[in-house]
Each structure stands twice: as structure tokens, then as C-alpha cells.
Amino acid sequence: MMTLHEFNAAPVEDARRLLVHACHCTPWVEAMLAERPFADREALYRAAARHWQRMNEAAMLEAFLGHARIGDLAALRDRFAPAAKEQGQVAEAEEPVLAELLSLNRAYEARHGFMFIVCASGKSAAAMRDLLRERLPNDRATELANAAREQAAITRLRLDGALASKETP
């Protein structure tokens, strides 16, 4: 964790690591790096949203690859350990709900060509399962827009979590 001031002054590679954690999308990360320094957190959040809105489909799909499938506990324990916090309520779900989440995720990915993206913060496994059921029949364009909106929310939460809330004197 670093303050916004530290982020603004950090070497490019340190700032890049923080941004990649927030959104696994190279063009977005590079756009954010080019805009440093940010006057305040709100300026950072506005830039993050503005640059994300400019991303094309390939960039969005790259960002989506930075997530574990909702309910894929093995991946959460292994490669996506930080995401385990974001999906904390999923880990506490009953086995049938987890199995259904994983099955629905696979069906979603087969239909749309990318994994189901949802801002899991504060959502139970059952709520995410219900969202997955609801969104699965949508067409790909609708789901790309839905996933992009969810990615923006996730990115904001991750930026907020990566930056200390108070500047040190």
C-alpha cells in the first residue's frame, strides 16, 4: 500500500505493478502511467474511468483474464490469491452452490467467449449465481458491456484498496 503522493513519485515499474493489480490491461495501465501525477484520488478515479471507457474489445478481454472464475476456489488459492478477498463470501458457500457457479461459469464462457465478470464485493455466492443465471442468455455485445461496467467497479475498488487513505506527513 502506498499513498497517492508515493504513487505519483514512484518509479514507473512500481506504479505499473499497482495499476496492473487494479486492472490487468496493458493499454489502460500505460494510459494511466502517462497521466501521472494525479492531483487527488478523485482525479485518479476519473482518469481510470475515462481511460477504461476508451478500451477496445481486445483490451477488455485482456483485463478479464486477470480474474479467477467466480467460485473457482482452487484458482483463488493458487494464482489469484488477492482475488480470494474479493470473493470471500464464495469460499463460505455450500458445495452445491459452488458446483453450480463453476458449471454456469463454464457455460457462460462457452457462450460469450470470456469468463463471467462481476464485482463480487458484498455479494453472496447465491446472489452471484443468480446474476450469472440472469446474464447467461444475453447476447455477447450486451455481456461485453456488462462485464466492462463490472470491471470498472472492480478497478475502482482495487485502486481504493491499494492506496493508503491518509497521506503521511
C-alpha atoms as a PDB file:
ATOM      1  CA  MET A   1       0.000   0.000   0.000  1.00  0.00           C
ATOM      2  CA  MET A   2       1.219   3.489  -0.801  1.00  0.00           C
ATOM      3  CA  THR A   3      -0.173   6.982  -0.631  1.00  0.00           C
ATOM      4  CA  LEU A   4      -1.220   8.840  -3.764  1.00  0.00           C
ATOM      5  CA  HIS A   5       1.837  11.062  -3.357  1.00  0.00           C
ATOM      6  CA  GLU A   6       4.079   7.965  -3.227  1.00  0.00           C
ATOM      7  CA  PHE A   7       2.293   6.501  -6.253  1.00  0.00           C
ATOM      8  CA  ASN A   8       2.801   9.721  -8.213  1.00  0.00           C
ATOM      9  CA  ALA A   9       6.523   9.767  -7.326  1.00  0.00           C
ATOM     10  CA  ALA A  10       7.127   6.008  -7.594  1.00  0.00           C
ATOM     11  CA  PRO A  11       9.406   4.537 -10.247  1.00  0.00           C
ATOM     12  CA  VAL A  12       7.417   3.505 -13.307  1.00  0.00           C
ATOM     13  CA  GLU A  13       7.724  -0.229 -12.550  1.00  0.00           C
ATOM     14  CA  ASP A  14       6.350   0.199  -9.015  1.00  0.00           C
ATOM     15  CA  ALA A  15       3.434   2.294 -10.276  1.00  0.00           C
ATOM     16  CA  ARG A  16       2.854  -0.217 -13.085  1.00  0.00           C
ATOM     17  CA  ARG A  17       2.596  -3.091 -10.574  1.00  0.00           C
ATOM     18  CA  LEU A  18      -0.065  -1.232  -8.601  1.00  0.00           C
ATOM     19  CA  LEU A  19      -2.036  -0.453 -11.760  1.00  0.00           C
ATOM     20  CA  VAL A  20      -1.777  -3.996 -13.151  1.00  0.00           C
ATOM     21  CA  HIS A  21      -3.165  -5.276  -9.867  1.00  0.00           C
ATOM     22  CA  ALA A  22      -6.090  -2.874 -10.268  1.00  0.00           C
ATOM     23  CA  CYS A  23      -6.758  -3.719 -13.924  1.00  0.00           C
ATOM     24  CA  HIS A  24      -4.873  -6.348 -15.888  1.00  0.00           C
ATOM     25  CA  CYS A  25      -4.984  -4.352 -19.134  1.00  0.00           C
ATOM     26  CA  THR A  26      -1.778  -3.103 -20.740  1.00  0.00           C
ATOM     27  CA  PRO A  27      -3.245  -0.175 -22.740  1.00  0.00           C
ATOM     28  CA  TRP A  28      -5.150   1.057 -19.689  1.00  0.00           C
ATOM     29  CA  VAL A  29      -2.074   0.775 -17.470  1.00  0.00           C
ATOM     30  CA  GLU A  30       0.073   2.667 -19.988  1.00  0.00           C
ATOM     31  CA  ALA A  31      -2.547   5.424 -20.325  1.00  0.00           C
ATOM     32  CA  MET A  32      -2.704   5.787 -16.552  1.00  0.00           C
ATOM     33  CA  LEU A  33       1.083   5.896 -16.239  1.00  0.00           C
ATOM     34  CA  ALA A  34       1.282   8.596 -18.901  1.00  0.00           C
ATOM     35  CA  GLU A  35      -1.170  10.753 -16.971  1.00  0.00           C
ATOM     36  CA  ARG A  36       0.697  10.757 -13.655  1.00  0.00           C
ATOM     37  CA  PRO A  37       0.828  12.714 -11.411  1.00  0.00           C
ATOM     38  CA  PHE A  38      -2.754  12.890 -10.195  1.00  0.00           C
ATOM     39  CA  ALA A  39      -3.865  15.890  -8.126  1.00  0.00           C
ATOM     40  CA  ASP A  40      -6.004  13.767  -5.812  1.00  0.00           C
ATOM     41  CA  ARG A  41      -7.785  10.425  -5.579  1.00  0.00           C
ATOM     42  CA  GLU A  42     -10.839  11.718  -7.425  1.00  0.00           C
ATOM     43  CA  ALA A  43      -8.625  12.753 -10.348  1.00  0.00           C
ATOM     44  CA  LEU A  44      -7.142   9.253 -10.343  1.00  0.00           C
ATOM     45  CA  TYR A  45     -10.603   7.657 -10.306  1.00  0.00           C
ATOM     46  CA  ARG A  46     -11.859   9.938 -13.102  1.00  0.00           C
ATOM     47  CA  ALA A  47      -8.811   9.103 -15.233  1.00  0.00           C
ATOM     48  CA  ALA A  48      -9.261   5.394 -14.552  1.00  0.00           C
ATOM     49  CA  ALA A  49     -12.897   5.530 -15.698  1.00  0.00           C
ATOM     50  CA  ARG A  50     -12.132   7.728 -18.722  1.00  0.00           C
ATOM     51  CA  HIS A  51      -9.299   5.512 -19.944  1.00  0.00           C
ATOM     52  CA  TRP A  52     -11.342   2.362 -19.349  1.00  0.00           C
ATOM     53  CA  GLN A  53     -14.193   3.739 -21.487  1.00  0.00           C
ATOM     54  CA  ARG A  54     -11.717   4.103 -24.356  1.00  0.00           C
ATOM     55  CA  MET A  55     -10.608   0.471 -24.296  1.00  0.00           C
ATOM     56  CA  ASN A  56     -11.469  -1.728 -27.250  1.00  0.00           C
ATOM     57  CA  GLU A  57     -12.680  -5.304 -27.019  1.00  0.00           C
ATOM     58  CA  ALA A  58      -9.187  -6.821 -27.094  1.00  0.00           C
ATOM     59  CA  ALA A  59      -8.119  -4.630 -24.158  1.00  0.00           C
ATOM     60  CA  MET A  60     -11.250  -5.553 -22.219  1.00  0.00           C
ATOM     61  CA  LEU A  61     -10.652  -9.245 -22.800  1.00  0.00           C
ATOM     62  CA  GLU A  62      -7.073  -8.831 -21.578  1.00  0.00           C
ATOM     63  CA  ALA A  63      -8.389  -7.243 -18.374  1.00  0.00           C
ATOM     64  CA  PHE A  64     -10.867 -10.073 -17.847  1.00  0.00           C
ATOM     65  CA  LEU A  65      -8.004 -12.589 -17.926  1.00  0.00           C
ATOM     66  CA  GLY A  66      -6.757 -11.027 -14.691  1.00  0.00           C
ATOM     67  CA  HIS A  67      -9.645 -12.608 -12.764  1.00  0.00           C
ATOM     68  CA  ALA A  68     -10.384 -16.007 -11.345  1.00  0.00           C
ATOM     69  CA  ARG A  69     -13.712 -17.536 -12.251  1.00  0.00           C
ATOM     70  CA  ILE A  70     -16.302 -16.819  -9.587  1.00  0.00           C
ATOM     71  CA  GLY A  71     -16.438 -19.949  -7.466  1.00  0.00           C
ATOM     72  CA  ASP A  72     -13.176 -21.484  -8.732  1.00  0.00           C
ATOM     73  CA  LEU A  73     -11.679 -21.924  -5.278  1.00  0.00           C
ATOM     74  CA  ALA A  74      -8.591 -23.790  -6.498  1.00  0.00           C
ATOM     75  CA  ALA A  75      -7.617 -20.860  -8.732  1.00  0.00           C
ATOM     76  CA  LEU A  76      -8.350 -18.409  -5.941  1.00  0.00           C
ATOM     77  CA  ARG A  77      -5.979 -20.287  -3.629  1.00  0.00           C
ATOM     78  CA  ASP A  78      -3.313 -20.626  -6.282  1.00  0.00           C
ATOM     79  CA  ARG A  79      -2.839 -17.929  -8.903  1.00  0.00           C
ATOM     80  CA  PHE A  80      -5.407 -15.364  -7.781  1.00  0.00           C
ATOM     81  CA  ALA A  81      -4.795 -15.194  -4.021  1.00  0.00           C
ATOM     82  CA  PRO A  82      -5.645 -11.443  -3.819  1.00  0.00           C
ATOM     83  CA  ALA A  83      -8.978 -12.165  -5.509  1.00  0.00           C
ATOM     84  CA  ALA A  84      -9.842 -14.540  -2.674  1.00  0.00           C
ATOM     85  CA  LYS A  85     -10.596 -11.490  -0.514  1.00  0.00           C
ATOM     86  CA  GLU A  86     -12.885 -10.111  -3.211  1.00  0.00           C
ATOM     87  CA  GLN A  87     -14.762 -13.402  -3.437  1.00  0.00           C
ATOM     88  CA  GLY A  88     -14.647 -14.072   0.307  1.00  0.00           C
ATOM     89  CA  GLN A  89     -18.322 -14.975   0.613  1.00  0.00           C
ATOM     90  CA  VAL A  90     -17.964 -17.521  -2.175  1.00  0.00           C
ATOM     91  CA  ALA A  91     -15.452 -19.530  -0.145  1.00  0.00           C
ATOM     92  CA  GLU A  92     -18.086 -19.911   2.572  1.00  0.00           C
ATOM     93  CA  ALA A  93     -20.787 -21.171   0.198  1.00  0.00           C
ATOM     94  CA  GLU A  94     -22.287 -24.630   0.251  1.00  0.00           C
ATOM     95  CA  GLU A  95     -20.763 -27.158  -2.146  1.00  0.00           C
ATOM     96  CA  PRO A  96     -23.863 -27.373  -4.416  1.00  0.00           C
ATOM     97  CA  VAL A  97     -23.831 -23.594  -4.944  1.00  0.00           C
ATOM     98  CA  LEU A  98     -20.098 -23.675  -5.743  1.00  0.00           C
ATOM     99  CA  ALA A  99     -20.564 -26.526  -8.201  1.00  0.00           C
ATOM    100  CA  GLU A 100     -23.392 -24.662  -9.919  1.00  0.00           C
ATOM    101  CA  LEU A 101     -21.331 -21.453 -10.054  1.00  0.00           C
ATOM    102  CA  LEU A 102     -18.474 -23.268 -11.746  1.00  0.00           C
ATOM    103  CA  SER A 103     -20.827 -25.019 -14.179  1.00  0.00           C
ATOM    104  CA  LEU A 104     -22.629 -21.781 -15.053  1.00  0.00           C
ATOM    105  CA  ASN A 105     -19.274 -20.027 -15.484  1.00  0.00           C
ATOM    106  CA  ARG A 106     -18.186 -22.641 -17.996  1.00  0.00           C
ATOM    107  CA  ALA A 107     -21.475 -22.316 -19.894  1.00  0.00           C
ATOM    108  CA  TYR A 108     -21.142 -18.522 -19.854  1.00  0.00           C
ATOM    109  CA  GLU A 109     -17.590 -18.670 -21.172  1.00  0.00           C
ATOM    110  CA  ALA A 110     -18.572 -21.131 -23.912  1.00  0.00           C
ATOM    111  CA  ARG A 111     -21.446 -18.853 -24.980  1.00  0.00           C
ATOM    112  CA  HIS A 112     -19.720 -15.457 -24.760  1.00  0.00           C
ATOM    113  CA  GLY A 113     -16.033 -16.254 -25.250  1.00  0.00           C
ATOM    114  CA  PHE A 114     -14.887 -14.770 -21.926  1.00  0.00           C
ATOM    115  CA  MET A 115     -15.456 -15.511 -18.262  1.00  0.00           C
ATOM    116  CA  PHE A 116     -18.279 -14.025 -16.224  1.00  0.00           C
ATOM    117  CA  ILE A 117     -17.128 -10.750 -14.655  1.00  0.00           C
ATOM    118  CA  VAL A 118     -18.946  -9.341 -11.645  1.00  0.00           C
ATOM    119  CA  CYS A 119     -17.909  -7.016  -8.856  1.00  0.00           C
ATOM    120  CA  ALA A 120     -18.248  -9.618  -6.101  1.00  0.00           C
ATOM    121  CA  SER A 121     -17.798  -7.235  -3.195  1.00  0.00           C
ATOM    122  CA  GLY A 122     -20.655  -7.692  -0.761  1.00  0.00           C
ATOM    123  CA  LYS A 123     -22.413 -10.339  -2.855  1.00  0.00           C
ATOM    124  CA  SER A 124     -23.152 -13.826  -1.607  1.00  0.00           C
ATOM    125  CA  ALA A 125     -22.371 -16.868  -3.737  1.00  0.00           C
ATOM    126  CA  ALA A 126     -26.102 -17.379  -4.265  1.00  0.00           C
ATOM    127  CA  ALA A 127     -26.522 -13.762  -5.437  1.00  0.00           C
ATOM    128  CA  MET A 128     -23.661 -14.178  -7.921  1.00  0.00           C
ATOM    129  CA  ARG A 129     -25.139 -17.470  -9.118  1.00  0.00           C
ATOM    130  CA  ASP A 130     -28.466 -15.722  -9.688  1.00  0.00           C
ATOM    131  CA  LEU A 131     -26.720 -12.907 -11.623  1.00  0.00           C
ATOM    132  CA  LEU A 132     -24.917 -15.485 -13.721  1.00  0.00           C
ATOM    133  CA  ARG A 133     -28.204 -17.257 -14.498  1.00  0.00           C
ATOM    134  CA  GLU A 134     -29.775 -13.912 -15.407  1.00  0.00           C
ATOM    135  CA  ARG A 135     -26.919 -12.779 -17.660  1.00  0.00           C
ATOM    136  CA  LEU A 136     -26.114 -16.104 -19.346  1.00  0.00           C
ATOM    137  CA  PRO A 137     -28.849 -15.837 -22.034  1.00  0.00           C
ATOM    138  CA  ASN A 138     -27.782 -12.316 -23.084  1.00  0.00           C
ATOM    139  CA  ASP A 139     -26.062 -11.734 -26.409  1.00  0.00           C
ATOM    140  CA  ARG A 140     -22.289 -11.239 -26.482  1.00  0.00           C
ATOM    141  CA  ALA A 141     -22.413  -7.469 -27.051  1.00  0.00           C
ATOM    142  CA  THR A 142     -24.668  -6.973 -24.035  1.00  0.00           C
ATOM    143  CA  GLU A 143     -22.403  -9.120 -21.903  1.00  0.00           C
ATOM    144  CA  LEU A 144     -19.263  -7.359 -23.068  1.00  0.00           C
ATOM    145  CA  ALA A 145     -20.858  -4.087 -21.933  1.00  0.00           C
ATOM    146  CA  ASN A 146     -21.985  -5.656 -18.634  1.00  0.00           C
ATOM    147  CA  ALA A 147     -18.530  -7.113 -17.991  1.00  0.00           C
ATOM    148  CA  ALA A 148     -16.846  -3.793 -18.849  1.00  0.00           C
ATOM    149  CA  ARG A 149     -19.089  -1.989 -16.345  1.00  0.00           C
ATOM    150  CA  GLU A 150     -18.278  -4.563 -13.661  1.00  0.00           C
ATOM    151  CA  GLN A 151     -14.548  -4.316 -14.461  1.00  0.00           C
ATOM    152  CA  ALA A 152     -14.699  -0.542 -13.940  1.00  0.00           C
ATOM    153  CA  ALA A 153     -16.231  -1.072 -10.494  1.00  0.00           C
ATOM    154  CA  ILE A 154     -13.610  -3.691  -9.606  1.00  0.00           C
ATOM    155  CA  THR A 155     -10.810  -1.411 -10.771  1.00  0.00           C
ATOM    156  CA  ARG A 156     -12.054   1.441  -8.601  1.00  0.00           C
ATOM    157  CA  LEU A 157     -12.268  -0.829  -5.555  1.00  0.00           C
ATOM    158  CA  ARG A 158      -8.783  -2.175  -6.192  1.00  0.00           C
ATOM    159  CA  LEU A 159      -7.309   1.297  -6.643  1.00  0.00           C
ATOM    160  CA  ASP A 160      -9.010   2.424  -3.461  1.00  0.00           C
ATOM    161  CA  GLY A 161      -7.646  -0.588  -1.596  1.00  0.00           C
ATOM    162  CA  ALA A 162      -4.111  -0.150  -2.939  1.00  0.00           C
ATOM    163  CA  LEU A 163      -3.800   3.476  -1.885  1.00  0.00           C
ATOM    164  CA  ALA A 164      -3.484   4.460   1.745  1.00  0.00           C
ATOM    165  CA  SER A 165      -6.421   6.594   2.806  1.00  0.00           C
ATOM    166  CA  LYS A 166      -4.250   9.198   4.519  1.00  0.00           C
ATOM    167  CA  GLU A 167      -1.137  10.901   3.292  1.00  0.00           C
ATOM    168  CA  THR A 168       1.781  10.593   5.666  1.00  0.00           C
ATOM    169  CA  PRO A 169       3.361  13.875   6.773  1.00  0.00           C
END
